[in-house]
Amino acid sequence: MTKAGYVYIMASRRNGTIYLGVTSDLAARSYQHRNGLIIGFTKTHYCKLLVWYEVHDDLENARLRELQMKKWNRQWKLSEIERMNPDWNDLFESLF
């Protein structure tokens, strides 16, 4: 049985600093980012808002998508966010 995966983007604010990541548990990982429990980029740059995510049936496919998107320029990522979430709302609560 394969494990589902999520590619996600955390942001500091609308058009602010963004972080692209992958996880098998989006709710838990978002909680960790929101509460500064992960030492590193997102904590240093206050990326606490879950502004975009994509669900994959397989974690490996999610990892491949993340690697693909990491090659994108910033504007392409911003456009992807705005297609799903034009108001840059925090999607964390929608996970429950």
PDB file of N, CA and C in Angstrom:
ATOM      1  N   MET A   1       0.841  -1.181   0.000  1.00  0.00           N
ATOM      2  CA  MET A   1       0.000   0.000   0.000  1.00  0.00           C
ATOM      3  C   MET A   1       0.890   1.251   0.000  1.00  0.00           C
ATOM      4  N   THR A   2       0.570   2.196  -0.858  1.00  0.00           N
ATOM      5  CA  THR A   2       1.361   3.420  -0.933  1.00  0.00           C
ATOM      6  C   THR A   2       0.778   4.479  -0.006  1.00  0.00           C
ATOM      7  N   LYS A   3       1.638   5.372   0.422  1.00  0.00           N
ATOM      8  CA  LYS A   3       1.248   6.441   1.328  1.00  0.00           C
ATOM      9  C   LYS A   3       0.976   7.704   0.509  1.00  0.00           C
ATOM     10  N   ALA A   4      -0.117   8.400   0.825  1.00  0.00           N
ATOM     11  CA  ALA A   4      -0.443   9.652   0.143  1.00  0.00           C
ATOM     12  C   ALA A   4       0.611  10.703   0.467  1.00  0.00           C
ATOM     13  N   GLY A   5       0.737  11.675  -0.410  1.00  0.00           N
ATOM     14  CA  GLY A   5       1.694  12.749  -0.196  1.00  0.00           C
ATOM     15  C   GLY A   5       1.092  14.094  -0.574  1.00  0.00           C
ATOM     16  N   TYR A   6       1.653  15.132  -0.025  1.00  0.00           N
ATOM     17  CA  TYR A   6       1.194  16.495  -0.266  1.00  0.00           C
ATOM     18  C   TYR A   6       2.384  17.383  -0.603  1.00  0.00           C
ATOM     19  N   VAL A   7       2.236  18.183  -1.624  1.00  0.00           N
ATOM     20  CA  VAL A   7       3.171  19.265  -1.904  1.00  0.00           C
ATOM     21  C   VAL A   7       2.466  20.502  -1.382  1.00  0.00           C
ATOM     22  N   TYR A   8       3.192  21.374  -0.693  1.00  0.00           N
ATOM     23  CA  TYR A   8       2.533  22.518  -0.068  1.00  0.00           C
ATOM     24  C   TYR A   8       3.417  23.755  -0.111  1.00  0.00           C
ATOM     25  N   ILE A   9       2.761  24.911   0.029  1.00  0.00           N
ATOM     26  CA  ILE A   9       3.483  26.180   0.110  1.00  0.00           C
ATOM     27  C   ILE A   9       3.026  26.910   1.359  1.00  0.00           C
ATOM     28  N   MET A  10       3.999  27.303   2.171  1.00  0.00           N
ATOM     29  CA  MET A  10       3.781  28.151   3.338  1.00  0.00           C
ATOM     30  C   MET A  10       4.255  29.554   2.962  1.00  0.00           C
ATOM     31  N   ALA A  11       3.610  30.575   3.507  1.00  0.00           N
ATOM     32  CA  ALA A  11       3.987  31.957   3.201  1.00  0.00           C
ATOM     33  C   ALA A  11       4.000  32.798   4.473  1.00  0.00           C
ATOM     34  N   SER A  12       4.778  33.856   4.432  1.00  0.00           N
ATOM     35  CA  SER A  12       4.821  34.791   5.559  1.00  0.00           C
ATOM     36  C   SER A  12       3.638  35.756   5.489  1.00  0.00           C
ATOM     37  N   ARG A  13       3.210  36.082   4.272  1.00  0.00           N
ATOM     38  CA  ARG A  13       2.074  36.979   4.024  1.00  0.00           C
ATOM     39  C   ARG A  13       1.831  36.960   2.520  1.00  0.00           C
ATOM     40  N   ARG A  14       0.810  37.649   2.075  1.00  0.00           N
ATOM     41  CA  ARG A  14       0.539  37.741   0.635  1.00  0.00           C
ATOM     42  C   ARG A  14       1.772  38.308  -0.075  1.00  0.00           C
ATOM     43  N   ASN A  15       2.219  37.609  -1.102  1.00  0.00           N
ATOM     44  CA  ASN A  15       3.392  38.010  -1.888  1.00  0.00           C
ATOM     45  C   ASN A  15       4.662  38.136  -1.056  1.00  0.00           C
ATOM     46  N   GLY A  16       4.684  37.535   0.120  1.00  0.00           N
ATOM     47  CA  GLY A  16       5.868  37.565   0.980  1.00  0.00           C
ATOM     48  C   GLY A  16       6.777  36.392   0.688  1.00  0.00           C
ATOM     49  N   THR A  17       7.546  36.014   1.674  1.00  0.00           N
ATOM     50  CA  THR A  17       8.442  34.876   1.559  1.00  0.00           C
ATOM     51  C   THR A  17       7.620  33.599   1.460  1.00  0.00           C
ATOM     52  N   ILE A  18       8.015  32.694   0.568  1.00  0.00           N
ATOM     53  CA  ILE A  18       7.301  31.426   0.426  1.00  0.00           C
ATOM     54  C   ILE A  18       8.272  30.262   0.590  1.00  0.00           C
ATOM     55  N   TYR A  19       7.708  29.140   1.032  1.00  0.00           N
ATOM     56  CA  TYR A  19       8.466  27.906   1.232  1.00  0.00           C
ATOM     57  C   TYR A  19       7.682  26.773   0.605  1.00  0.00           C
ATOM     58  N   LEU A  20       8.338  25.973  -0.198  1.00  0.00           N
ATOM     59  CA  LEU A  20       7.725  24.828  -0.859  1.00  0.00           C
ATOM     60  C   LEU A  20       8.242  23.556  -0.204  1.00  0.00           C
ATOM     61  N   GLY A  21       7.318  22.675   0.185  1.00  0.00           N
ATOM     62  CA  GLY A  21       7.731  21.445   0.845  1.00  0.00           C
ATOM     63  C   GLY A  21       6.853  20.265   0.456  1.00  0.00           C
ATOM     64  N   VAL A  22       7.190  19.094   1.002  1.00  0.00           N
ATOM     65  CA  VAL A  22       6.426  17.874   0.768  1.00  0.00           C
ATOM     66  C   VAL A  22       6.298  17.130   2.094  1.00  0.00           C
ATOM     67  N   THR A  23       5.171  16.452   2.283  1.00  0.00           N
ATOM     68  CA  THR A  23       4.930  15.727   3.521  1.00  0.00           C
ATOM     69  C   THR A  23       3.882  14.641   3.294  1.00  0.00           C
ATOM     70  N   SER A  24       3.822  13.700   4.213  1.00  0.00           N
ATOM     71  CA  SER A  24       2.765  12.689   4.174  1.00  0.00           C
ATOM     72  C   SER A  24       1.634  13.047   5.138  1.00  0.00           C
ATOM     73  N   ASP A  25       1.837  14.060   5.976  1.00  0.00           N
ATOM     74  CA  ASP A  25       0.815  14.490   6.937  1.00  0.00           C
ATOM     75  C   ASP A  25       0.743  16.020   6.932  1.00  0.00           C
ATOM     76  N   LEU A  26      -0.097  16.552   6.060  1.00  0.00           N
ATOM     77  CA  LEU A  26      -0.163  18.001   5.857  1.00  0.00           C
ATOM     78  C   LEU A  26      -0.635  18.748   7.096  1.00  0.00           C
ATOM     79  N   ALA A  27      -1.608  18.213   7.801  1.00  0.00           N
ATOM     80  CA  ALA A  27      -2.111  18.895   8.999  1.00  0.00           C
ATOM     81  C   ALA A  27      -1.015  19.021  10.058  1.00  0.00           C
ATOM     82  N   ALA A  28      -0.304  17.930  10.309  1.00  0.00           N
ATOM     83  CA  ALA A  28       0.762  17.956  11.320  1.00  0.00           C
ATOM     84  C   ALA A  28       1.903  18.871  10.901  1.00  0.00           C
ATOM     85  N   ARG A  29       2.314  18.791   9.637  1.00  0.00           N
ATOM     86  CA  ARG A  29       3.425  19.621   9.175  1.00  0.00           C
ATOM     87  C   ARG A  29       3.046  21.101   9.199  1.00  0.00           C
ATOM     88  N   SER A  30       1.824  21.429   8.800  1.00  0.00           N
ATOM     89  CA  SER A  30       1.367  22.826   8.848  1.00  0.00           C
ATOM     90  C   SER A  30       1.362  23.336  10.286  1.00  0.00           C
ATOM     91  N   TYR A  31       0.894  22.513  11.198  1.00  0.00           N
ATOM     92  CA  TYR A  31       0.896  22.876  12.623  1.00  0.00           C
ATOM     93  C   TYR A  31       2.320  23.174  13.096  1.00  0.00           C
ATOM     94  N   GLN A  32       3.265  22.335  12.702  1.00  0.00           N
ATOM     95  CA  GLN A  32       4.663  22.537  13.098  1.00  0.00           C
ATOM     96  C   GLN A  32       5.194  23.871  12.567  1.00  0.00           C
ATOM     97  N   HIS A  33       4.907  24.166  11.305  1.00  0.00           N
ATOM     98  CA  HIS A  33       5.358  25.448  10.732  1.00  0.00           C
ATOM     99  C   HIS A  33       4.690  26.628  11.444  1.00  0.00           C
ATOM    100  N   ARG A  34       3.388  26.545  11.656  1.00  0.00           N
ATOM    101  CA  ARG A  34       2.627  27.645  12.279  1.00  0.00           C
ATOM    102  C   ARG A  34       3.145  27.978  13.677  1.00  0.00           C
ATOM    103  N   ASN A  35       3.605  26.963  14.372  1.00  0.00           N
ATOM    104  CA  ASN A  35       4.020  27.147  15.758  1.00  0.00           C
ATOM    105  C   ASN A  35       5.536  27.195  15.937  1.00  0.00           C
ATOM    106  N   GLY A  36       6.259  27.342  14.843  1.00  0.00           N
ATOM    107  CA  GLY A  36       7.709  27.486  14.905  1.00  0.00           C
ATOM    108  C   GLY A  36       8.431  26.284  15.471  1.00  0.00           C
ATOM    109  N   LEU A  37       7.885  25.094  15.273  1.00  0.00           N
ATOM    110  CA  LEU A  37       8.472  23.878  15.826  1.00  0.00           C
ATOM    111  C   LEU A  37       9.556  23.281  14.931  1.00  0.00           C
ATOM    112  N   ILE A  38       9.659  23.777  13.704  1.00  0.00           N
ATOM    113  CA  ILE A  38      10.673  23.293  12.779  1.00  0.00           C
ATOM    114  C   ILE A  38      11.746  24.362  12.657  1.00  0.00           C
ATOM    115  N   ILE A  39      12.938  24.035  13.108  1.00  0.00           N
ATOM    116  CA  ILE A  39      14.062  24.968  13.037  1.00  0.00           C
ATOM    117  C   ILE A  39      14.491  25.097  11.577  1.00  0.00           C
ATOM    118  N   GLY A  40      14.695  26.315  11.124  1.00  0.00           N
ATOM    119  CA  GLY A  40      15.174  26.504   9.761  1.00  0.00           C
ATOM    120  C   GLY A  40      14.486  27.655   9.064  1.00  0.00           C
ATOM    121  N   PHE A  41      14.390  27.523   7.754  1.00  0.00           N
ATOM    122  CA  PHE A  41      13.920  28.603   6.888  1.00  0.00           C
ATOM    123  C   PHE A  41      12.550  29.146   7.291  1.00  0.00           C
ATOM    124  N   THR A  42      11.575  28.254   7.462  1.00  0.00           N
ATOM    125  CA  THR A  42      10.214  28.734   7.728  1.00  0.00           C
ATOM    126  C   THR A  42      10.108  29.454   9.067  1.00  0.00           C
ATOM    127  N   LYS A  43      10.860  29.016  10.042  1.00  0.00           N
ATOM    128  CA  LYS A  43      10.849  29.689  11.342  1.00  0.00           C
ATOM    129  C   LYS A  43      11.549  31.044  11.243  1.00  0.00           C
ATOM    130  N   THR A  44      12.696  31.075  10.594  1.00  0.00           N
ATOM    131  CA  THR A  44      13.464  32.311  10.442  1.00  0.00           C
ATOM    132  C   THR A  44      12.704  33.365   9.645  1.00  0.00           C
ATOM    133  N   HIS A  45      11.958  32.929   8.636  1.00  0.00           N
ATOM    134  CA  HIS A  45      11.262  33.855   7.731  1.00  0.00           C
ATOM    135  C   HIS A  45       9.762  33.953   8.007  1.00  0.00           C
ATOM    136  N   TYR A  46       9.304  33.397   9.129  1.00  0.00           N
ATOM    137  CA  TYR A  46       7.910  33.513   9.581  1.00  0.00           C
ATOM    138  C   TYR A  46       6.896  32.999   8.557  1.00  0.00           C
ATOM    139  N   CYS A  47       7.210  31.920   7.893  1.00  0.00           N
ATOM    140  CA  CYS A  47       6.284  31.302   6.938  1.00  0.00           C
ATOM    141  C   CYS A  47       5.318  30.417   7.715  1.00  0.00           C
ATOM    142  N   LYS A  48       4.200  30.998   8.104  1.00  0.00           N
ATOM    143  CA  LYS A  48       3.251  30.312   8.977  1.00  0.00           C
ATOM    144  C   LYS A  48       1.887  30.077   8.338  1.00  0.00           C
ATOM    145  N   LEU A  49       1.673  30.612   7.145  1.00  0.00           N
ATOM    146  CA  LEU A  49       0.382  30.487   6.477  1.00  0.00           C
ATOM    147  C   LEU A  49       0.431  29.402   5.414  1.00  0.00           C
ATOM    148  N   LEU A  50      -0.454  28.434   5.511  1.00  0.00           N
ATOM    149  CA  LEU A  50      -0.580  27.418   4.467  1.00  0.00           C
ATOM    150  C   LEU A  50      -1.426  28.041   3.361  1.00  0.00           C
ATOM    151  N   VAL A  51      -0.811  28.364   2.224  1.00  0.00           N
ATOM    152  CA  VAL A  51      -1.531  29.080   1.171  1.00  0.00           C
ATOM    153  C   VAL A  51      -1.830  28.232  -0.065  1.00  0.00           C
ATOM    154  N   TRP A  52      -1.193  27.064  -0.168  1.00  0.00           N
ATOM    155  CA  TRP A  52      -1.421  26.207  -1.338  1.00  0.00           C
ATOM    156  C   TRP A  52      -1.002  24.785  -0.994  1.00  0.00           C
ATOM    157  N   TYR A  53      -1.729  23.819  -1.548  1.00  0.00           N
ATOM    158  CA  TYR A  53      -1.292  22.434  -1.449  1.00  0.00           C
ATOM    159  C   TYR A  53      -1.892  21.615  -2.581  1.00  0.00           C
ATOM    160  N   GLU A  54      -1.263  20.486  -2.824  1.00  0.00           N
ATOM    161  CA  GLU A  54      -1.691  19.574  -3.871  1.00  0.00           C
ATOM    162  C   GLU A  54      -1.579  18.163  -3.306  1.00  0.00           C
ATOM    163  N   VAL A  55      -2.593  17.360  -3.517  1.00  0.00           N
ATOM    164  CA  VAL A  55      -2.648  15.993  -2.985  1.00  0.00           C
ATOM    165  C   VAL A  55      -2.204  14.999  -4.060  1.00  0.00           C
ATOM    166  N   HIS A  56      -1.393  14.043  -3.658  1.00  0.00           N
ATOM    167  CA  HIS A  56      -0.943  12.970  -4.553  1.00  0.00           C
ATOM    168  C   HIS A  56      -1.235  11.627  -3.895  1.00  0.00           C
ATOM    169  N   ASP A  57      -1.611  10.649  -4.690  1.00  0.00           N
ATOM    170  CA  ASP A  57      -1.907   9.314  -4.172  1.00  0.00           C
ATOM    171  C   ASP A  57      -0.674   8.629  -3.599  1.00  0.00           C
ATOM    172  N   ASP A  58       0.490   9.033  -4.076  1.00  0.00           N
ATOM    173  CA  ASP A  58       1.734   8.385  -3.704  1.00  0.00           C
ATOM    174  C   ASP A  58       2.750   9.438  -3.256  1.00  0.00           C
ATOM    175  N   LEU A  59       3.392   9.212  -2.133  1.00  0.00           N
ATOM    176  CA  LEU A  59       4.372  10.164  -1.592  1.00  0.00           C
ATOM    177  C   LEU A  59       5.525  10.389  -2.567  1.00  0.00           C
ATOM    178  N   GLU A  60       5.938   9.350  -3.262  1.00  0.00           N
ATOM    179  CA  GLU A  60       7.032   9.505  -4.232  1.00  0.00           C
ATOM    180  C   GLU A  60       6.640  10.453  -5.361  1.00  0.00           C
ATOM    181  N   ASN A  61       5.382  10.377  -5.812  1.00  0.00           N
ATOM    182  CA  ASN A  61       4.909  11.311  -6.841  1.00  0.00           C
ATOM    183  C   ASN A  61       4.899  12.741  -6.311  1.00  0.00           C
ATOM    184  N   ALA A  62       4.545  12.906  -5.057  1.00  0.00           N
ATOM    185  CA  ALA A  62       4.561  14.236  -4.438  1.00  0.00           C
ATOM    186  C   ALA A  62       5.994  14.767  -4.388  1.00  0.00           C
ATOM    187  N   ARG A  63       6.944  13.912  -4.064  1.00  0.00           N
ATOM    188  CA  ARG A  63       8.351  14.332  -4.022  1.00  0.00           C
ATOM    189  C   ARG A  63       8.841  14.760  -5.405  1.00  0.00           C
ATOM    190  N   LEU A  64       8.440  14.021  -6.419  1.00  0.00           N
ATOM    191  CA  LEU A  64       8.830  14.374  -7.785  1.00  0.00           C
ATOM    192  C   LEU A  64       8.225  15.721  -8.192  1.00  0.00           C
ATOM    193  N   ARG A  65       6.977  15.935  -7.821  1.00  0.00           N
ATOM    194  CA  ARG A  65       6.312  17.219  -8.123  1.00  0.00           C
ATOM    195  C   ARG A  65       7.013  18.364  -7.394  1.00  0.00           C
ATOM    196  N   GLU A  66       7.397  18.139  -6.141  1.00  0.00           N
ATOM    197  CA  GLU A  66       8.118  19.171  -5.389  1.00  0.00           C
ATOM    198  C   GLU A  66       9.428  19.523  -6.097  1.00  0.00           C
ATOM    199  N   LEU A  67      10.173  18.532  -6.518  1.00  0.00           N
ATOM    200  CA  LEU A  67      11.442  18.779  -7.216  1.00  0.00           C
ATOM    201  C   LEU A  67      11.214  19.551  -8.512  1.00  0.00           C
ATOM    202  N   GLN A  68      10.135  19.215  -9.213  1.00  0.00           N
ATOM    203  CA  GLN A  68       9.782  19.929 -10.439  1.00  0.00           C
ATOM    204  C   GLN A  68       9.478  21.394 -10.132  1.00  0.00           C
ATOM    205  N   MET A  69       8.662  21.616  -9.111  1.00  0.00           N
ATOM    206  CA  MET A  69       8.247  22.981  -8.770  1.00  0.00           C
ATOM    207  C   MET A  69       9.397  23.818  -8.207  1.00  0.00           C
ATOM    208  N   LYS A  70      10.351  23.188  -7.550  1.00  0.00           N
ATOM    209  CA  LYS A  70      11.495  23.935  -7.014  1.00  0.00           C
ATOM    210  C   LYS A  70      12.321  24.569  -8.135  1.00  0.00           C
ATOM    211  N   LYS A  71      12.204  24.039  -9.341  1.00  0.00           N
ATOM    212  CA  LYS A  71      12.894  24.613 -10.493  1.00  0.00           C
ATOM    213  C   LYS A  71      12.142  25.812 -11.089  1.00  0.00           C
ATOM    214  N   TRP A  72      10.893  25.972 -10.702  1.00  0.00           N
ATOM    215  CA  TRP A  72      10.086  27.071 -11.219  1.00  0.00           C
ATOM    216  C   TRP A  72      10.595  28.406 -10.697  1.00  0.00           C
ATOM    217  N   ASN A  73      10.346  29.459 -11.471  1.00  0.00           N
ATOM    218  CA  ASN A  73      10.656  30.784 -10.937  1.00  0.00           C
ATOM    219  C   ASN A  73       9.546  31.210  -9.975  1.00  0.00           C
ATOM    220  N   ARG A  74       9.828  32.230  -9.215  1.00  0.00           N
ATOM    221  CA  ARG A  74       8.904  32.694  -8.176  1.00  0.00           C
ATOM    222  C   ARG A  74       7.529  33.043  -8.737  1.00  0.00           C
ATOM    223  N   GLN A  75       7.477  33.714  -9.880  1.00  0.00           N
ATOM    224  CA  GLN A  75       6.194  34.147 -10.440  1.00  0.00           C
ATOM    225  C   GLN A  75       5.297  32.966 -10.774  1.00  0.00           C
ATOM    226  N   TRP A  76       5.873  31.883 -11.258  1.00  0.00           N
ATOM    227  CA  TRP A  76       5.069  30.697 -11.552  1.00  0.00           C
ATOM    228  C   TRP A  76       4.462  30.145 -10.275  1.00  0.00           C
ATOM    229  N   LYS A  77       5.225  30.143  -9.184  1.00  0.00           N
ATOM    230  CA  LYS A  77       4.703  29.655  -7.898  1.00  0.00           C
ATOM    231  C   LYS A  77       3.603  30.568  -7.388  1.00  0.00           C
ATOM    232  N   LEU A  78       3.788  31.880  -7.515  1.00  0.00           N
ATOM    233  CA  LEU A  78       2.760  32.824  -7.080  1.00  0.00           C
ATOM    234  C   LEU A  78       1.481  32.625  -7.891  1.00  0.00           C
ATOM    235  N   SER A  79       1.620  32.393  -9.176  1.00  0.00           N
ATOM    236  CA  SER A  79       0.447  32.148 -10.028  1.00  0.00           C
ATOM    237  C   SER A  79      -0.274  30.876  -9.610  1.00  0.00           C
ATOM    238  N   GLU A  80       0.485  29.851  -9.236  1.00  0.00           N
ATOM    239  CA  GLU A  80      -0.109  28.594  -8.772  1.00  0.00           C
ATOM    240  C   GLU A  80      -0.905  28.826  -7.485  1.00  0.00           C
ATOM    241  N   ILE A  81      -0.348  29.605  -6.570  1.00  0.00           N
ATOM    242  CA  ILE A  81      -1.050  29.943  -5.330  1.00  0.00           C
ATOM    243  C   ILE A  81      -2.359  30.664  -5.655  1.00  0.00           C
ATOM    244  N   GLU A  82      -2.280  31.664  -6.512  1.00  0.00           N
ATOM    245  CA  GLU A  82      -3.452  32.497  -6.786  1.00  0.00           C
ATOM    246  C   GLU A  82      -4.528  31.769  -7.569  1.00  0.00           C
ATOM    247  N   ARG A  83      -4.164  30.731  -8.316  1.00  0.00           N
ATOM    248  CA  ARG A  83      -5.185  29.917  -8.988  1.00  0.00           C
ATOM    249  C   ARG A  83      -6.035  29.177  -7.957  1.00  0.00           C
ATOM    250  N   MET A  84      -5.402  28.650  -6.927  1.00  0.00           N
ATOM    251  CA  MET A  84      -6.123  27.880  -5.906  1.00  0.00           C
ATOM    252  C   MET A  84      -6.692  28.778  -4.818  1.00  0.00           C
ATOM    253  N   ASN A  85      -5.975  29.835  -4.486  1.00  0.00           N
ATOM    254  CA  ASN A  85      -6.273  30.624  -3.299  1.00  0.00           C
ATOM    255  C   ASN A  85      -6.031  32.114  -3.598  1.00  0.00           C
ATOM    256  N   PRO A  86      -6.912  32.738  -4.403  1.00  0.00           N
ATOM    257  CA  PRO A  86      -6.669  34.112  -4.859  1.00  0.00           C
ATOM    258  C   PRO A  86      -6.536  35.144  -3.737  1.00  0.00           C
ATOM    259  N   ASP A  87      -7.122  34.882  -2.584  1.00  0.00           N
ATOM    260  CA  ASP A  87      -7.049  35.837  -1.471  1.00  0.00           C
ATOM    261  C   ASP A  87      -5.934  35.502  -0.482  1.00  0.00           C
ATOM    262  N   TRP A  88      -5.158  34.478  -0.777  1.00  0.00           N
ATOM    263  CA  TRP A  88      -4.058  34.045   0.085  1.00  0.00           C
ATOM    264  C   TRP A  88      -4.545  33.748   1.511  1.00  0.00           C
ATOM    265  N   ASN A  89      -5.715  33.137   1.621  1.00  0.00           N
ATOM    266  CA  ASN A  89      -6.228  32.744   2.928  1.00  0.00           C
ATOM    267  C   ASN A  89      -5.369  31.636   3.508  1.00  0.00           C
ATOM    268  N   ASP A  90      -5.321  31.564   4.826  1.00  0.00           N
ATOM    269  CA  ASP A  90      -4.630  30.466   5.497  1.00  0.00           C
ATOM    270  C   ASP A  90      -5.542  29.242   5.395  1.00  0.00           C
ATOM    271  N   LEU A  91      -5.092  28.196   4.733  1.00  0.00           N
ATOM    272  CA  LEU A  91      -5.897  27.007   4.485  1.00  0.00           C
ATOM    273  C   LEU A  91      -5.816  25.977   5.605  1.00  0.00           C
ATOM    274  N   PHE A  92      -5.079  26.265   6.640  1.00  0.00           N
ATOM    275  CA  PHE A  92      -4.884  25.305   7.720  1.00  0.00           C
ATOM    276  C   PHE A  92      -6.210  24.793   8.274  1.00  0.00           C
ATOM    277  N   GLU A  93      -7.123  25.679   8.594  1.00  0.00           N
ATOM    278  CA  GLU A  93      -8.408  25.265   9.189  1.00  0.00           C
ATOM    279  C   GLU A  93      -9.229  24.415   8.246  1.00  0.00           C
ATOM    280  N   SER A  94      -9.051  24.595   6.934  1.00  0.00           N
ATOM    281  CA  SER A  94      -9.832  23.817   5.958  1.00  0.00           C
ATOM    282  C   SER A  94      -9.401  22.347   5.918  1.00  0.00           C
ATOM    283  N   LEU A  95      -8.304  22.016   6.561  1.00  0.00           N
ATOM    284  CA  LEU A  95      -7.827  20.628   6.578  1.00  0.00           C
ATOM    285  C   LEU A  95      -8.634  19.750   7.523  1.00  0.00           C
ATOM    286  N   PHE A  96      -9.421  20.386   8.397  1.00  0.00           N
ATOM    287  CA  PHE A  96     -10.138  19.625   9.420  1.00  0.00           C
ATOM    288  C   PHE A  96     -11.612  19.546   9.170  1.00  0.00           C
TER     289      PHE A  96
END
